[in-house]
Amino acid sequence: MKRYHCATELAVDLIGGKWKPVILAHLKEGAHRYGELRRRMPGVSEKMLTQQLRELAADGLVRREEFDGRVPHVEYHLTEVGEELRPALQALYEWGERRAAERGITFG
């Protein structure tokens, strides 16, 4: 088992990096299919998105749900543990909005 020296180190290990917080922020809005996440995150490669989703699922933050039917598909959701991140994700979003406004940065 990996050894941590503080709780923040563990948290950053689980949700840190360029894409995990972005994935979690999108899933905070509700379930998304893989293709929806790709469209919302045009800068991420398919390989990286798949890897990050697998890691988030392995860490118990994201659940992958498969649907059979005429058009089979997969959806990703936050787990109960992932839902606990909702206030932190919202705070990061609001902080980013304020910084963007101060710097005249637009999104899109």
PDB file of N, CA and C in Angstrom:
ATOM      1  N   MET A   1       0.846  -1.183   0.000  1.00  0.00           N
ATOM      2  CA  MET A   1       0.000   0.000   0.000  1.00  0.00           C
ATOM      3  C   MET A   1       0.889   1.244   0.000  1.00  0.00           C
ATOM      4  N   LYS A   2       0.509   2.218  -0.783  1.00  0.00           N
ATOM      5  CA  LYS A   2       1.274   3.451  -0.883  1.00  0.00           C
ATOM      6  C   LYS A   2       1.196   4.211   0.435  1.00  0.00           C
ATOM      7  N   ARG A   3       2.289   4.833   0.796  1.00  0.00           N
ATOM      8  CA  ARG A   3       2.347   5.590   2.043  1.00  0.00           C
ATOM      9  C   ARG A   3       2.187   7.080   1.745  1.00  0.00           C
ATOM     10  N   TYR A   4       1.313   7.726   2.490  1.00  0.00           N
ATOM     11  CA  TYR A   4       1.066   9.165   2.362  1.00  0.00           C
ATOM     12  C   TYR A   4       1.503   9.857   3.634  1.00  0.00           C
ATOM     13  N   HIS A   5       1.869  11.122   3.488  1.00  0.00           N
ATOM     14  CA  HIS A   5       2.333  11.888   4.641  1.00  0.00           C
ATOM     15  C   HIS A   5       1.316  12.903   5.111  1.00  0.00           C
ATOM     16  N   CYS A   6       0.258  13.119   4.288  1.00  0.00           N
ATOM     17  CA  CYS A   6      -0.838  13.975   4.725  1.00  0.00           C
ATOM     18  C   CYS A   6      -2.062  13.678   3.859  1.00  0.00           C
ATOM     19  N   ALA A   7      -3.221  14.079   4.341  1.00  0.00           N
ATOM     20  CA  ALA A   7      -4.482  13.798   3.651  1.00  0.00           C
ATOM     21  C   ALA A   7      -4.555  14.484   2.289  1.00  0.00           C
ATOM     22  N   THR A   8      -3.960  15.659   2.162  1.00  0.00           N
ATOM     23  CA  THR A   8      -3.983  16.364   0.877  1.00  0.00           C
ATOM     24  C   THR A   8      -3.215  15.570  -0.173  1.00  0.00           C
ATOM     25  N   GLU A   9      -2.136  14.952   0.223  1.00  0.00           N
ATOM     26  CA  GLU A   9      -1.354  14.133  -0.702  1.00  0.00           C
ATOM     27  C   GLU A   9      -2.204  12.982  -1.248  1.00  0.00           C
ATOM     28  N   LEU A  10      -2.980  12.343  -0.380  1.00  0.00           N
ATOM     29  CA  LEU A  10      -3.879  11.273  -0.816  1.00  0.00           C
ATOM     30  C   LEU A  10      -4.938  11.819  -1.776  1.00  0.00           C
ATOM     31  N   ALA A  11      -5.566  12.941  -1.406  1.00  0.00           N
ATOM     32  CA  ALA A  11      -6.618  13.525  -2.245  1.00  0.00           C
ATOM     33  C   ALA A  11      -6.085  13.880  -3.631  1.00  0.00           C
ATOM     34  N   VAL A  12      -4.919  14.503  -3.688  1.00  0.00           N
ATOM     35  CA  VAL A  12      -4.338  14.885  -4.976  1.00  0.00           C
ATOM     36  C   VAL A  12      -3.969  13.643  -5.784  1.00  0.00           C
ATOM     37  N   ASP A  13      -3.533  12.593  -5.115  1.00  0.00           N
ATOM     38  CA  ASP A  13      -3.214  11.354  -5.819  1.00  0.00           C
ATOM     39  C   ASP A  13      -4.471  10.767  -6.469  1.00  0.00           C
ATOM     40  N   LEU A  14      -5.607  10.876  -5.797  1.00  0.00           N
ATOM     41  CA  LEU A  14      -6.851  10.303  -6.308  1.00  0.00           C
ATOM     42  C   LEU A  14      -7.513  11.152  -7.388  1.00  0.00           C
ATOM     43  N   ILE A  15      -7.466  12.483  -7.236  1.00  0.00           N
ATOM     44  CA  ILE A  15      -8.214  13.331  -8.176  1.00  0.00           C
ATOM     45  C   ILE A  15      -7.342  14.329  -8.922  1.00  0.00           C
ATOM     46  N   GLY A  16      -6.032  14.249  -8.712  1.00  0.00           N
ATOM     47  CA  GLY A  16      -5.135  15.209  -9.332  1.00  0.00           C
ATOM     48  C   GLY A  16      -4.866  14.921 -10.792  1.00  0.00           C
ATOM     49  N   GLY A  17      -4.143  15.815 -11.389  1.00  0.00           N
ATOM     50  CA  GLY A  17      -3.807  15.697 -12.798  1.00  0.00           C
ATOM     51  C   GLY A  17      -4.621  16.670 -13.624  1.00  0.00           C
ATOM     52  N   LYS A  18      -4.391  16.628 -14.904  1.00  0.00           N
ATOM     53  CA  LYS A  18      -5.048  17.576 -15.800  1.00  0.00           C
ATOM     54  C   LYS A  18      -6.504  17.211 -16.061  1.00  0.00           C
ATOM     55  N   TRP A  19      -6.817  15.913 -16.154  1.00  0.00           N
ATOM     56  CA  TRP A  19      -8.138  15.516 -16.639  1.00  0.00           C
ATOM     57  C   TRP A  19      -9.099  15.005 -15.586  1.00  0.00           C
ATOM     58  N   LYS A  20      -8.614  14.399 -14.505  1.00  0.00           N
ATOM     59  CA  LYS A  20      -9.542  13.839 -13.518  1.00  0.00           C
ATOM     60  C   LYS A  20     -10.489  14.874 -12.932  1.00  0.00           C
ATOM     61  N   PRO A  21     -10.014  16.044 -12.517  1.00  0.00           N
ATOM     62  CA  PRO A  21     -10.962  17.021 -11.979  1.00  0.00           C
ATOM     63  C   PRO A  21     -11.987  17.479 -13.018  1.00  0.00           C
ATOM     64  N   VAL A  22     -11.575  17.545 -14.272  1.00  0.00           N
ATOM     65  CA  VAL A  22     -12.495  17.954 -15.344  1.00  0.00           C
ATOM     66  C   VAL A  22     -13.557  16.883 -15.558  1.00  0.00           C
ATOM     67  N   ILE A  23     -13.146  15.637 -15.578  1.00  0.00           N
ATOM     68  CA  ILE A  23     -14.100  14.528 -15.715  1.00  0.00           C
ATOM     69  C   ILE A  23     -15.094  14.565 -14.563  1.00  0.00           C
ATOM     70  N   LEU A  24     -14.586  14.682 -13.355  1.00  0.00           N
ATOM     71  CA  LEU A  24     -15.455  14.715 -12.180  1.00  0.00           C
ATOM     72  C   LEU A  24     -16.415  15.900 -12.232  1.00  0.00           C
ATOM     73  N   ALA A  25     -15.941  17.049 -12.698  1.00  0.00           N
ATOM     74  CA  ALA A  25     -16.806  18.221 -12.794  1.00  0.00           C
ATOM     75  C   ALA A  25     -17.944  17.985 -13.780  1.00  0.00           C
ATOM     76  N   HIS A  26     -17.661  17.343 -14.898  1.00  0.00           N
ATOM     77  CA  HIS A  26     -18.732  17.033 -15.862  1.00  0.00           C
ATOM     78  C   HIS A  26     -19.708  16.025 -15.277  1.00  0.00           C
ATOM     79  N   LEU A  27     -19.215  15.029 -14.579  1.00  0.00           N
ATOM     80  CA  LEU A  27     -20.091  14.021 -13.999  1.00  0.00           C
ATOM     81  C   LEU A  27     -20.883  14.571 -12.820  1.00  0.00           C
ATOM     82  N   LYS A  28     -20.410  15.660 -12.238  1.00  0.00           N
ATOM     83  CA  LYS A  28     -21.157  16.338 -11.175  1.00  0.00           C
ATOM     84  C   LYS A  28     -22.500  16.828 -11.712  1.00  0.00           C
ATOM     85  N   GLU A  29     -22.540  17.140 -13.005  1.00  0.00           N
ATOM     86  CA  GLU A  29     -23.769  17.614 -13.651  1.00  0.00           C
ATOM     87  C   GLU A  29     -24.743  16.478 -13.910  1.00  0.00           C
ATOM     88  N   GLY A  30     -24.279  15.231 -13.874  1.00  0.00           N
ATOM     89  CA  GLY A  30     -25.123  14.067 -14.136  1.00  0.00           C
ATOM     90  C   GLY A  30     -24.374  13.048 -14.960  1.00  0.00           C
ATOM     91  N   ALA A  31     -25.060  11.956 -15.245  1.00  0.00           N
ATOM     92  CA  ALA A  31     -24.455  10.858 -16.017  1.00  0.00           C
ATOM     93  C   ALA A  31     -24.108  11.336 -17.421  1.00  0.00           C
ATOM     94  N   HIS A  32     -22.994  10.809 -17.936  1.00  0.00           N
ATOM     95  CA  HIS A  32     -22.572  11.117 -19.305  1.00  0.00           C
ATOM     96  C   HIS A  32     -22.092   9.839 -19.982  1.00  0.00           C
ATOM     97  N   ARG A  33     -22.373   9.752 -21.254  1.00  0.00           N
ATOM     98  CA  ARG A  33     -21.799   8.697 -22.065  1.00  0.00           C
ATOM     99  C   ARG A  33     -20.365   9.085 -22.401  1.00  0.00           C
ATOM    100  N   TYR A  34     -19.592   8.081 -22.804  1.00  0.00           N
ATOM    101  CA  TYR A  34     -18.198   8.316 -23.162  1.00  0.00           C
ATOM    102  C   TYR A  34     -18.091   9.392 -24.242  1.00  0.00           C
ATOM    103  N   GLY A  35     -18.895   9.298 -25.294  1.00  0.00           N
ATOM    104  CA  GLY A  35     -18.851  10.265 -26.395  1.00  0.00           C
ATOM    105  C   GLY A  35     -19.170  11.674 -25.951  1.00  0.00           C
ATOM    106  N   GLU A  36     -20.087  11.808 -25.000  1.00  0.00           N
ATOM    107  CA  GLU A  36     -20.417  13.135 -24.469  1.00  0.00           C
ATOM    108  C   GLU A  36     -19.210  13.739 -23.751  1.00  0.00           C
ATOM    109  N   LEU A  37     -18.545  12.903 -22.973  1.00  0.00           N
ATOM    110  CA  LEU A  37     -17.349  13.399 -22.283  1.00  0.00           C
ATOM    111  C   LEU A  37     -16.281  13.812 -23.291  1.00  0.00           C
ATOM    112  N   ARG A  38     -16.094  13.028 -24.340  1.00  0.00           N
ATOM    113  CA  ARG A  38     -15.099  13.380 -25.379  1.00  0.00           C
ATOM    114  C   ARG A  38     -15.425  14.720 -26.016  1.00  0.00           C
ATOM    115  N   ARG A  39     -16.695  14.967 -26.307  1.00  0.00           N
ATOM    116  CA  ARG A  39     -17.087  16.240 -26.927  1.00  0.00           C
ATOM    117  C   ARG A  39     -16.878  17.410 -25.972  1.00  0.00           C
ATOM    118  N   ARG A  40     -17.106  17.191 -24.705  1.00  0.00           N
ATOM    119  CA  ARG A  40     -16.935  18.262 -23.719  1.00  0.00           C
ATOM    120  C   ARG A  40     -15.467  18.520 -23.391  1.00  0.00           C
ATOM    121  N   MET A  41     -14.606  17.561 -23.745  1.00  0.00           N
ATOM    122  CA  MET A  41     -13.183  17.647 -23.430  1.00  0.00           C
ATOM    123  C   MET A  41     -12.377  17.414 -24.705  1.00  0.00           C
ATOM    124  N   PRO A  42     -12.438  18.332 -25.662  1.00  0.00           N
ATOM    125  CA  PRO A  42     -11.789  18.083 -26.956  1.00  0.00           C
ATOM    126  C   PRO A  42     -10.267  17.954 -26.882  1.00  0.00           C
ATOM    127  N   GLY A  43      -9.648  18.397 -25.819  1.00  0.00           N
ATOM    128  CA  GLY A  43      -8.195  18.331 -25.718  1.00  0.00           C
ATOM    129  C   GLY A  43      -7.654  17.009 -25.204  1.00  0.00           C
ATOM    130  N   VAL A  44      -8.532  16.110 -24.754  1.00  0.00           N
ATOM    131  CA  VAL A  44      -8.069  14.837 -24.201  1.00  0.00           C
ATOM    132  C   VAL A  44      -8.112  13.759 -25.287  1.00  0.00           C
ATOM    133  N   SER A  45      -7.102  12.915 -25.294  1.00  0.00           N
ATOM    134  CA  SER A  45      -7.097  11.797 -26.251  1.00  0.00           C
ATOM    135  C   SER A  45      -8.032  10.698 -25.749  1.00  0.00           C
ATOM    136  N   GLU A  46      -8.458   9.852 -26.668  1.00  0.00           N
ATOM    137  CA  GLU A  46      -9.323   8.730 -26.283  1.00  0.00           C
ATOM    138  C   GLU A  46      -8.615   7.830 -25.270  1.00  0.00           C
ATOM    139  N   LYS A  47      -7.340   7.565 -25.522  1.00  0.00           N
ATOM    140  CA  LYS A  47      -6.557   6.714 -24.628  1.00  0.00           C
ATOM    141  C   LYS A  47      -6.506   7.310 -23.217  1.00  0.00           C
ATOM    142  N   MET A  48      -6.245   8.602 -23.124  1.00  0.00           N
ATOM    143  CA  MET A  48      -6.136   9.252 -21.820  1.00  0.00           C
ATOM    144  C   MET A  48      -7.483   9.267 -21.106  1.00  0.00           C
ATOM    145  N   LEU A  49      -8.566   9.581 -21.834  1.00  0.00           N
ATOM    146  CA  LEU A  49      -9.885   9.608 -21.209  1.00  0.00           C
ATOM    147  C   LEU A  49     -10.241   8.224 -20.675  1.00  0.00           C
ATOM    148  N   THR A  50     -10.002   7.204 -21.468  1.00  0.00           N
ATOM    149  CA  THR A  50     -10.279   5.837 -21.029  1.00  0.00           C
ATOM    150  C   THR A  50      -9.473   5.485 -19.796  1.00  0.00           C
ATOM    151  N   GLN A  51      -8.200   5.825 -19.806  1.00  0.00           N
ATOM    152  CA  GLN A  51      -7.319   5.533 -18.664  1.00  0.00           C
ATOM    153  C   GLN A  51      -7.795   6.254 -17.413  1.00  0.00           C
ATOM    154  N   GLN A  52      -8.126   7.526 -17.545  1.00  0.00           N
ATOM    155  CA  GLN A  52      -8.550   8.310 -16.387  1.00  0.00           C
ATOM    156  C   GLN A  52      -9.874   7.804 -15.831  1.00  0.00           C
ATOM    157  N   LEU A  53     -10.809   7.435 -16.711  1.00  0.00           N
ATOM    158  CA  LEU A  53     -12.090   6.878 -16.256  1.00  0.00           C
ATOM    159  C   LEU A  53     -11.868   5.557 -15.525  1.00  0.00           C
ATOM    160  N   ARG A  54     -10.979   4.725 -16.025  1.00  0.00           N
ATOM    161  CA  ARG A  54     -10.678   3.456 -15.358  1.00  0.00           C
ATOM    162  C   ARG A  54     -10.078   3.683 -13.980  1.00  0.00           C
ATOM    163  N   GLU A  55      -9.159   4.646 -13.880  1.00  0.00           N
ATOM    164  CA  GLU A  55      -8.539   4.938 -12.582  1.00  0.00           C
ATOM    165  C   GLU A  55      -9.565   5.488 -11.600  1.00  0.00           C
ATOM    166  N   LEU A  56     -10.426   6.391 -12.064  1.00  0.00           N
ATOM    167  CA  LEU A  56     -11.463   6.936 -11.190  1.00  0.00           C
ATOM    168  C   LEU A  56     -12.427   5.850 -10.730  1.00  0.00           C
ATOM    169  N   ALA A  57     -12.734   4.908 -11.614  1.00  0.00           N
ATOM    170  CA  ALA A  57     -13.602   3.783 -11.246  1.00  0.00           C
ATOM    171  C   ALA A  57     -12.891   2.868 -10.246  1.00  0.00           C
ATOM    172  N   ALA A  58     -11.618   2.583 -10.489  1.00  0.00           N
ATOM    173  CA  ALA A  58     -10.851   1.717  -9.584  1.00  0.00           C
ATOM    174  C   ALA A  58     -10.737   2.330  -8.192  1.00  0.00           C
ATOM    175  N   ASP A  59     -10.707   3.659  -8.122  1.00  0.00           N
ATOM    176  CA  ASP A  59     -10.608   4.351  -6.839  1.00  0.00           C
ATOM    177  C   ASP A  59     -11.973   4.585  -6.197  1.00  0.00           C
ATOM    178  N   GLY A  60     -13.046   4.116  -6.858  1.00  0.00           N
ATOM    179  CA  GLY A  60     -14.375   4.189  -6.273  1.00  0.00           C
ATOM    180  C   GLY A  60     -15.068   5.529  -6.399  1.00  0.00           C
ATOM    181  N   LEU A  61     -14.594   6.393  -7.302  1.00  0.00           N
ATOM    182  CA  LEU A  61     -15.193   7.724  -7.461  1.00  0.00           C
ATOM    183  C   LEU A  61     -16.204   7.773  -8.601  1.00  0.00           C
ATOM    184  N   VAL A  62     -16.041   6.878  -9.574  1.00  0.00           N
ATOM    185  CA  VAL A  62     -16.894   6.868 -10.765  1.00  0.00           C
ATOM    186  C   VAL A  62     -17.400   5.439 -10.968  1.00  0.00           C
ATOM    187  N   ARG A  63     -18.645   5.337 -11.419  1.00  0.00           N
ATOM    188  CA  ARG A  63     -19.247   4.042 -11.734  1.00  0.00           C
ATOM    189  C   ARG A  63     -19.541   3.985 -13.220  1.00  0.00           C
ATOM    190  N   ARG A  64     -19.178   2.875 -13.832  1.00  0.00           N
ATOM    191  CA  ARG A  64     -19.433   2.622 -15.252  1.00  0.00           C
ATOM    192  C   ARG A  64     -20.640   1.709 -15.332  1.00  0.00           C
ATOM    193  N   GLU A  65     -21.662   2.144 -16.057  1.00  0.00           N
ATOM    194  CA  GLU A  65     -22.890   1.357 -16.176  1.00  0.00           C
ATOM    195  C   GLU A  65     -23.150   1.040 -17.644  1.00  0.00           C
ATOM    196  N   GLU A  66     -23.275  -0.252 -17.929  1.00  0.00           N
ATOM    197  CA  GLU A  66     -23.523  -0.701 -19.295  1.00  0.00           C
ATOM    198  C   GLU A  66     -25.016  -0.938 -19.491  1.00  0.00           C
ATOM    199  N   PHE A  67     -25.530  -0.523 -20.651  1.00  0.00           N
ATOM    200  CA  PHE A  67     -26.928  -0.702 -21.006  1.00  0.00           C
ATOM    201  C   PHE A  67     -27.014  -1.533 -22.276  1.00  0.00           C
ATOM    202  N   ASP A  68     -27.767  -2.607 -22.207  1.00  0.00           N
ATOM    203  CA  ASP A  68     -28.032  -3.419 -23.395  1.00  0.00           C
ATOM    204  C   ASP A  68     -29.295  -2.879 -24.041  1.00  0.00           C
ATOM    205  N   GLY A  69     -29.462  -3.164 -25.262  1.00  0.00           N
ATOM    206  CA  GLY A  69     -30.656  -2.726 -25.965  1.00  0.00           C
ATOM    207  C   GLY A  69     -30.379  -2.647 -27.442  1.00  0.00           C
ATOM    208  N   ARG A  70     -31.283  -2.011 -28.129  1.00  0.00           N
ATOM    209  CA  ARG A  70     -31.125  -1.861 -29.571  1.00  0.00           C
ATOM    210  C   ARG A  70     -29.815  -1.158 -29.895  1.00  0.00           C
ATOM    211  N   VAL A  71     -29.501  -0.151 -29.091  1.00  0.00           N
ATOM    212  CA  VAL A  71     -28.224   0.560 -29.222  1.00  0.00           C
ATOM    213  C   VAL A  71     -27.519   0.481 -27.868  1.00  0.00           C
ATOM    214  N   PRO A  72     -26.655  -0.528 -27.675  1.00  0.00           N
ATOM    215  CA  PRO A  72     -25.958  -0.649 -26.384  1.00  0.00           C
ATOM    216  C   PRO A  72     -25.084   0.583 -26.139  1.00  0.00           C
ATOM    217  N   HIS A  73     -25.007   0.993 -24.882  1.00  0.00           N
ATOM    218  CA  HIS A  73     -24.148   2.125 -24.551  1.00  0.00           C
ATOM    219  C   HIS A  73     -23.696   2.032 -23.098  1.00  0.00           C
ATOM    220  N   VAL A  74     -22.752   2.873 -22.752  1.00  0.00           N
ATOM    221  CA  VAL A  74     -22.175   2.928 -21.410  1.00  0.00           C
ATOM    222  C   VAL A  74     -22.345   4.340 -20.889  1.00  0.00           C
ATOM    223  N   GLU A  75     -22.712   4.449 -19.619  1.00  0.00           N
ATOM    224  CA  GLU A  75     -22.786   5.752 -18.962  1.00  0.00           C
ATOM    225  C   GLU A  75     -21.870   5.741 -17.750  1.00  0.00           C
ATOM    226  N   TYR A  76     -21.360   6.917 -17.436  1.00  0.00           N
ATOM    227  CA  TYR A  76     -20.515   7.101 -16.263  1.00  0.00           C
ATOM    228  C   TYR A  76     -21.233   8.022 -15.288  1.00  0.00           C
ATOM    229  N   HIS A  77     -21.163   7.659 -14.009  1.00  0.00           N
ATOM    230  CA  HIS A  77     -21.813   8.408 -12.936  1.00  0.00           C
ATOM    231  C   HIS A  77     -20.814   8.585 -11.795  1.00  0.00           C
ATOM    232  N   LEU A  78     -21.045   9.574 -10.966  1.00  0.00           N
ATOM    233  CA  LEU A  78     -20.314   9.660  -9.706  1.00  0.00           C
ATOM    234  C   LEU A  78     -20.882   8.626  -8.752  1.00  0.00           C
ATOM    235  N   THR A  79     -20.027   7.994  -7.981  1.00  0.00           N
ATOM    236  CA  THR A  79     -20.475   7.105  -6.911  1.00  0.00           C
ATOM    237  C   THR A  79     -20.834   7.966  -5.706  1.00  0.00           C
ATOM    238  N   GLU A  80     -21.282   7.337  -4.639  1.00  0.00           N
ATOM    239  CA  GLU A  80     -21.557   8.087  -3.406  1.00  0.00           C
ATOM    240  C   GLU A  80     -20.293   8.792  -2.925  1.00  0.00           C
ATOM    241  N   VAL A  81     -19.180   8.105  -2.997  1.00  0.00           N
ATOM    242  CA  VAL A  81     -17.900   8.712  -2.591  1.00  0.00           C
ATOM    243  C   VAL A  81     -17.567   9.875  -3.518  1.00  0.00           C
ATOM    244  N   GLY A  82     -17.776   9.694  -4.819  1.00  0.00           N
ATOM    245  CA  GLY A  82     -17.544  10.775  -5.777  1.00  0.00           C
ATOM    246  C   GLY A  82     -18.449  11.968  -5.512  1.00  0.00           C
ATOM    247  N   GLU A  83     -19.691  11.692  -5.123  1.00  0.00           N
ATOM    248  CA  GLU A  83     -20.644  12.772  -4.813  1.00  0.00           C
ATOM    249  C   GLU A  83     -20.155  13.636  -3.652  1.00  0.00           C
ATOM    250  N   GLU A  84     -19.375  13.056  -2.755  1.00  0.00           N
ATOM    251  CA  GLU A  84     -18.828  13.825  -1.630  1.00  0.00           C
ATOM    252  C   GLU A  84     -17.903  14.938  -2.108  1.00  0.00           C
ATOM    253  N   LEU A  85     -17.398  14.831  -3.337  1.00  0.00           N
ATOM    254  CA  LEU A  85     -16.516  15.851  -3.906  1.00  0.00           C
ATOM    255  C   LEU A  85     -17.289  17.043  -4.475  1.00  0.00           C
ATOM    256  N   ARG A  86     -18.610  16.925  -4.572  1.00  0.00           N
ATOM    257  CA  ARG A  86     -19.433  17.972  -5.191  1.00  0.00           C
ATOM    258  C   ARG A  86     -19.127  19.377  -4.653  1.00  0.00           C
ATOM    259  N   PRO A  87     -19.097  19.607  -3.342  1.00  0.00           N
ATOM    260  CA  PRO A  87     -18.793  20.973  -2.863  1.00  0.00           C
ATOM    261  C   PRO A  87     -17.402  21.457  -3.280  1.00  0.00           C
ATOM    262  N   ALA A  88     -16.426  20.575  -3.253  1.00  0.00           N
ATOM    263  CA  ALA A  88     -15.066  20.965  -3.645  1.00  0.00           C
ATOM    264  C   ALA A  88     -15.009  21.271  -5.134  1.00  0.00           C
ATOM    265  N   LEU A  89     -15.696  20.473  -5.952  1.00  0.00           N
ATOM    266  CA  LEU A  89     -15.722  20.707  -7.394  1.00  0.00           C
ATOM    267  C   LEU A  89     -16.426  22.021  -7.719  1.00  0.00           C
ATOM    268  N   GLN A  90     -17.507  22.314  -7.002  1.00  0.00           N
ATOM    269  CA  GLN A  90     -18.228  23.565  -7.220  1.00  0.00           C
ATOM    270  C   GLN A  90     -17.360  24.750  -6.813  1.00  0.00           C
ATOM    271  N   ALA A  91     -16.649  24.621  -5.706  1.00  0.00           N
ATOM    272  CA  ALA A  91     -15.757  25.699  -5.254  1.00  0.00           C
ATOM    273  C   ALA A  91     -14.652  25.941  -6.279  1.00  0.00           C
ATOM    274  N   LEU A  92     -14.073  24.888  -6.844  1.00  0.00           N
ATOM    275  CA  LEU A  92     -13.045  25.037  -7.880  1.00  0.00           C
ATOM    276  C   LEU A  92     -13.613  25.732  -9.113  1.00  0.00           C
ATOM    277  N   TYR A  93     -14.835  25.354  -9.496  1.00  0.00           N
ATOM    278  CA  TYR A  93     -15.484  25.968 -10.656  1.00  0.00           C
ATOM    279  C   TYR A  93     -15.679  27.475 -10.429  1.00  0.00           C
ATOM    280  N   GLU A  94     -16.212  27.822  -9.280  1.00  0.00           N
ATOM    281  CA  GLU A  94     -16.473  29.229  -8.980  1.00  0.00           C
ATOM    282  C   GLU A  94     -15.177  30.024  -8.891  1.00  0.00           C
ATOM    283  N   TRP A  95     -14.154  29.435  -8.312  1.00  0.00           N
ATOM    284  CA  TRP A  95     -12.853  30.094  -8.218  1.00  0.00           C
ATOM    285  C   TRP A  95     -12.302  30.331  -9.618  1.00  0.00           C
ATOM    286  N   GLY A  96     -12.404  29.324 -10.486  1.00  0.00           N
ATOM    287  CA  GLY A  96     -11.949  29.454 -11.867  1.00  0.00           C
ATOM    288  C   GLY A  96     -12.716  30.522 -12.631  1.00  0.00           C
ATOM    289  N   GLU A  97     -14.020  30.606 -12.402  1.00  0.00           N
ATOM    290  CA  GLU A  97     -14.825  31.652 -13.050  1.00  0.00           C
ATOM    291  C   GLU A  97     -14.340  33.043 -12.648  1.00  0.00           C
ATOM    292  N   ARG A  98     -14.080  33.240 -11.353  1.00  0.00           N
ATOM    293  CA  ARG A  98     -13.596  34.545 -10.876  1.00  0.00           C
ATOM    294  C   ARG A  98     -12.242  34.888 -11.487  1.00  0.00           C
ATOM    295  N   ARG A  99     -11.321  33.931 -11.522  1.00  0.00           N
ATOM    296  CA  ARG A  99      -9.998  34.172 -12.116  1.00  0.00           C
ATOM    297  C   ARG A  99     -10.133  34.481 -13.602  1.00  0.00           C
ATOM    298  N   ALA A 100     -11.001  33.769 -14.292  1.00  0.00           N
ATOM    299  CA  ALA A 100     -11.217  34.014 -15.726  1.00  0.00           C
ATOM    300  C   ALA A 100     -11.757  35.416 -15.941  1.00  0.00           C
ATOM    301  N   ALA A 101     -12.706  35.846 -15.136  1.00  0.00           N
ATOM    302  CA  ALA A 101     -13.288  37.184 -15.258  1.00  0.00           C
ATOM    303  C   ALA A 101     -12.225  38.252 -15.031  1.00  0.00           C
ATOM    304  N   GLU A 102     -11.385  38.045 -14.032  1.00  0.00           N
ATOM    305  CA  GLU A 102     -10.316  39.009 -13.734  1.00  0.00           C
ATOM    306  C   GLU A 102      -9.335  39.142 -14.902  1.00  0.00           C
ATOM    307  N   ARG A 103      -9.113  38.068 -15.612  1.00  0.00           N
ATOM    308  CA  ARG A 103      -8.122  38.042 -16.690  1.00  0.00           C
ATOM    309  C   ARG A 103      -8.729  38.194 -18.081  1.00  0.00           C
ATOM    310  N   GLY A 104     -10.045  38.312 -18.143  1.00  0.00           N
ATOM    311  CA  GLY A 104     -10.703  38.456 -19.425  1.00  0.00           C
ATOM    312  C   GLY A 104     -10.679  37.194 -20.273  1.00  0.00           C
ATOM    313  N   ILE A 105     -10.632  36.055 -19.607  1.00  0.00           N
ATOM    314  CA  ILE A 105     -10.585  34.767 -20.302  1.00  0.00           C
ATOM    315  C   ILE A 105     -12.006  34.304 -20.585  1.00  0.00           C
ATOM    316  N   THR A 106     -12.249  33.855 -21.801  1.00  0.00           N
ATOM    317  CA  THR A 106     -13.544  33.283 -22.160  1.00  0.00           C
ATOM    318  C   THR A 106     -13.362  31.797 -22.455  1.00  0.00           C
ATOM    319  N   PHE A 107     -14.429  31.060 -22.344  1.00  0.00           N
ATOM    320  CA  PHE A 107     -14.379  29.614 -22.555  1.00  0.00           C
ATOM    321  C   PHE A 107     -15.139  29.267 -23.821  1.00  0.00           C
ATOM    322  N   GLY A 108     -14.694  28.193 -24.458  1.00  0.00           N
ATOM    323  CA  GLY A 108     -15.442  27.738 -25.610  1.00  0.00           C
ATOM    324  C   GLY A 108     -14.633  27.165 -26.671  1.00  0.00           C
TER     325      GLY A 108
END
